[in-house]
Amino acid sequence: MISTVRQWGIAFLLFGAVISQGGCVPLLIGAAAGAGTFAWINGDLEYNVDASVARAHRAALRGLKQLDLAVTQDHKDKHNAKLRSAYSDGKDVHVTIEALTERSSKIKIRVGVFGDQARSEAILTAIKKHL
């Protein structure tokens, strides 16, 4: 009897502790998800970086150059950057950088009309080497 009451008491306390900290758990999960992970969304590879738009833009230029992808279009302002290139087989490359804060950005990469995940990941790897 005492054992059962004690087990229920411990379970109740643990449940209360979990519920009272409920707001922090999603925050921690969100922070972990944003650091070092990418998302493949409708043909776009998205990656959040701890870098300003200017720094991410420089890294993207260097990454594309490293892969021998000539930049055909380059536009950058304080909050956004857009780069265009193409593979030799004609697949277009679009790299878009959007400011999240002054010191963080979202890099979006799309290769081809429907997206090419392997090539997008290769471009992201090259960009990350220069961040």
Protein backbone atom coordinates (compact mmCIF):
# COMPACT_ATOMS: atom_id res chain seq x y z
CA MET A 1 0.00 0.00 0.00
CA ILE A 2 2.68 2.50 0.98
CA SER A 3 4.73 1.47 -2.01
CA THR A 4 1.85 2.20 -4.40
CA VAL A 5 1.11 5.57 -2.78
CA ARG A 6 4.77 6.47 -2.93
CA GLN A 7 5.00 5.51 -6.63
CA TRP A 8 1.95 7.62 -7.43
CA GLY A 9 3.39 10.52 -5.45
CA ILE A 10 6.68 10.37 -7.35
CA ALA A 11 4.83 10.09 -10.66
CA PHE A 12 2.70 13.12 -9.73
CA LEU A 13 5.77 15.18 -8.80
CA LEU A 14 7.56 14.26 -12.03
CA PHE A 15 4.47 15.08 -14.06
CA GLY A 16 4.20 18.45 -12.31
CA ALA A 17 7.87 19.18 -12.99
CA VAL A 18 7.46 18.37 -16.69
CA ILE A 19 4.32 20.49 -17.03
CA SER A 20 5.84 23.48 -15.24
CA GLN A 21 8.85 23.44 -17.59
CA GLY A 22 6.77 22.93 -20.74
CA GLY A 23 7.63 26.31 -22.23
CA CYS A 24 11.35 25.68 -22.05
CA VAL A 25 11.38 22.29 -23.74
CA PRO A 26 10.14 23.50 -27.16
CA LEU A 27 12.56 26.42 -26.94
CA LEU A 28 15.50 24.09 -26.35
CA ILE A 29 14.38 21.75 -29.12
CA GLY A 30 13.99 24.69 -31.50
CA ALA A 31 17.44 26.00 -30.66
CA ALA A 32 18.98 22.60 -31.27
CA ALA A 33 17.10 22.18 -34.53
CA GLY A 34 18.37 25.52 -35.85
CA ALA A 35 22.01 24.81 -35.16
CA GLY A 36 23.73 22.78 -37.82
CA THR A 37 20.76 21.14 -39.50
CA PHE A 38 19.23 21.66 -42.88
CA ALA A 39 15.72 21.16 -44.19
CA TRP A 40 14.65 19.93 -47.62
CA ILE A 41 11.40 21.78 -48.36
CA ASN A 42 9.66 21.55 -51.75
CA GLY A 43 12.93 21.30 -53.67
CA ASP A 44 14.77 23.95 -51.63
CA LEU A 45 17.57 23.13 -49.23
CA GLU A 46 17.35 25.55 -46.27
CA TYR A 47 20.09 26.09 -43.71
CA ASN A 48 20.35 28.63 -40.89
CA VAL A 49 23.81 30.03 -40.20
CA ASP A 50 25.32 32.23 -37.52
CA ALA A 51 26.56 34.73 -40.09
CA SER A 52 25.38 38.06 -41.44
CA VAL A 53 24.03 38.30 -44.97
CA ALA A 54 27.32 39.86 -46.09
CA ARG A 55 29.41 37.05 -44.61
CA ALA A 56 27.11 34.32 -45.95
CA HIS A 57 27.16 36.01 -49.37
CA ARG A 58 30.98 35.97 -49.46
CA ALA A 59 30.96 32.31 -48.45
CA ALA A 60 28.41 31.50 -51.17
CA LEU A 61 30.51 33.23 -53.83
CA ARG A 62 33.60 31.31 -52.73
CA GLY A 63 31.70 28.03 -52.51
CA LEU A 64 30.30 28.37 -56.02
CA LYS A 65 33.75 29.28 -57.33
CA GLN A 66 35.22 26.23 -55.58
CA LEU A 67 32.72 24.05 -57.50
CA ASP A 68 33.57 25.81 -60.79
CA LEU A 69 30.08 27.32 -61.00
CA ALA A 70 30.29 30.74 -62.62
CA VAL A 71 27.99 33.33 -61.05
CA THR A 72 25.71 34.84 -63.70
CA GLN A 73 23.67 37.05 -61.40
CA ASP A 74 24.62 38.60 -58.07
CA HIS A 75 22.47 40.97 -56.03
CA LYS A 76 23.06 41.86 -52.38
CA ASP A 77 21.67 44.40 -49.96
CA LYS A 78 21.67 44.60 -46.17
CA HIS A 79 18.87 42.06 -45.68
CA ASN A 80 19.01 39.74 -48.71
CA ALA A 81 21.29 38.31 -51.35
CA LYS A 82 20.54 36.35 -54.52
CA LEU A 83 23.04 34.45 -56.62
CA ARG A 84 22.41 32.63 -59.89
CA SER A 85 24.59 30.09 -61.64
CA ALA A 86 24.20 26.94 -63.73
CA TYR A 87 25.73 23.51 -64.08
CA SER A 88 27.19 22.46 -67.44
CA ASP A 89 24.12 20.26 -68.06
CA GLY A 90 21.94 23.38 -67.92
CA LYS A 91 20.45 22.96 -64.44
CA ASP A 92 20.04 26.40 -62.89
CA VAL A 93 21.41 27.13 -59.44
CA HIS A 94 19.65 29.64 -57.19
CA VAL A 95 21.17 30.66 -53.86
CA THR A 96 19.09 33.01 -51.74
CA ILE A 97 20.23 34.44 -48.41
CA GLU A 98 17.77 36.12 -46.05
CA ALA A 99 18.62 37.93 -42.82
CA LEU A 100 17.08 36.41 -39.71
CA THR A 101 18.86 38.82 -37.36
CA GLU A 102 21.90 41.07 -37.78
CA ARG A 103 24.16 38.07 -37.14
CA SER A 104 22.19 35.13 -38.54
CA SER A 105 20.86 34.23 -41.96
CA LYS A 106 18.91 31.57 -43.81
CA ILE A 107 20.56 30.14 -46.92
CA LYS A 108 18.22 28.58 -49.50
CA ILE A 109 19.64 26.56 -52.37
CA ARG A 110 17.68 25.24 -55.35
CA VAL A 111 19.16 23.32 -58.25
CA GLY A 112 16.92 22.83 -61.28
CA VAL A 113 13.18 23.26 -61.52
CA PHE A 114 12.21 20.53 -59.06
CA GLY A 115 15.33 20.61 -56.90
CA ASP A 116 18.34 18.29 -56.86
CA GLN A 117 19.09 17.38 -53.26
CA ALA A 118 22.54 15.86 -53.88
CA ARG A 119 23.80 18.88 -55.79
CA SER A 120 22.20 21.28 -53.31
CA GLU A 121 23.98 19.51 -50.45
CA ALA A 122 27.29 19.70 -52.35
CA ILE A 123 26.83 23.46 -52.76
CA LEU A 124 25.93 23.85 -49.07
CA THR A 125 29.03 21.88 -48.06
CA ALA A 126 31.20 24.17 -50.19
CA ILE A 127 29.56 27.29 -48.72
CA LYS A 128 30.00 26.04 -45.14
CA LYS A 129 33.75 25.59 -45.74
CA HIS A 130 34.02 29.35 -46.26
CA LEU A 131 31.90 30.52 -43.32
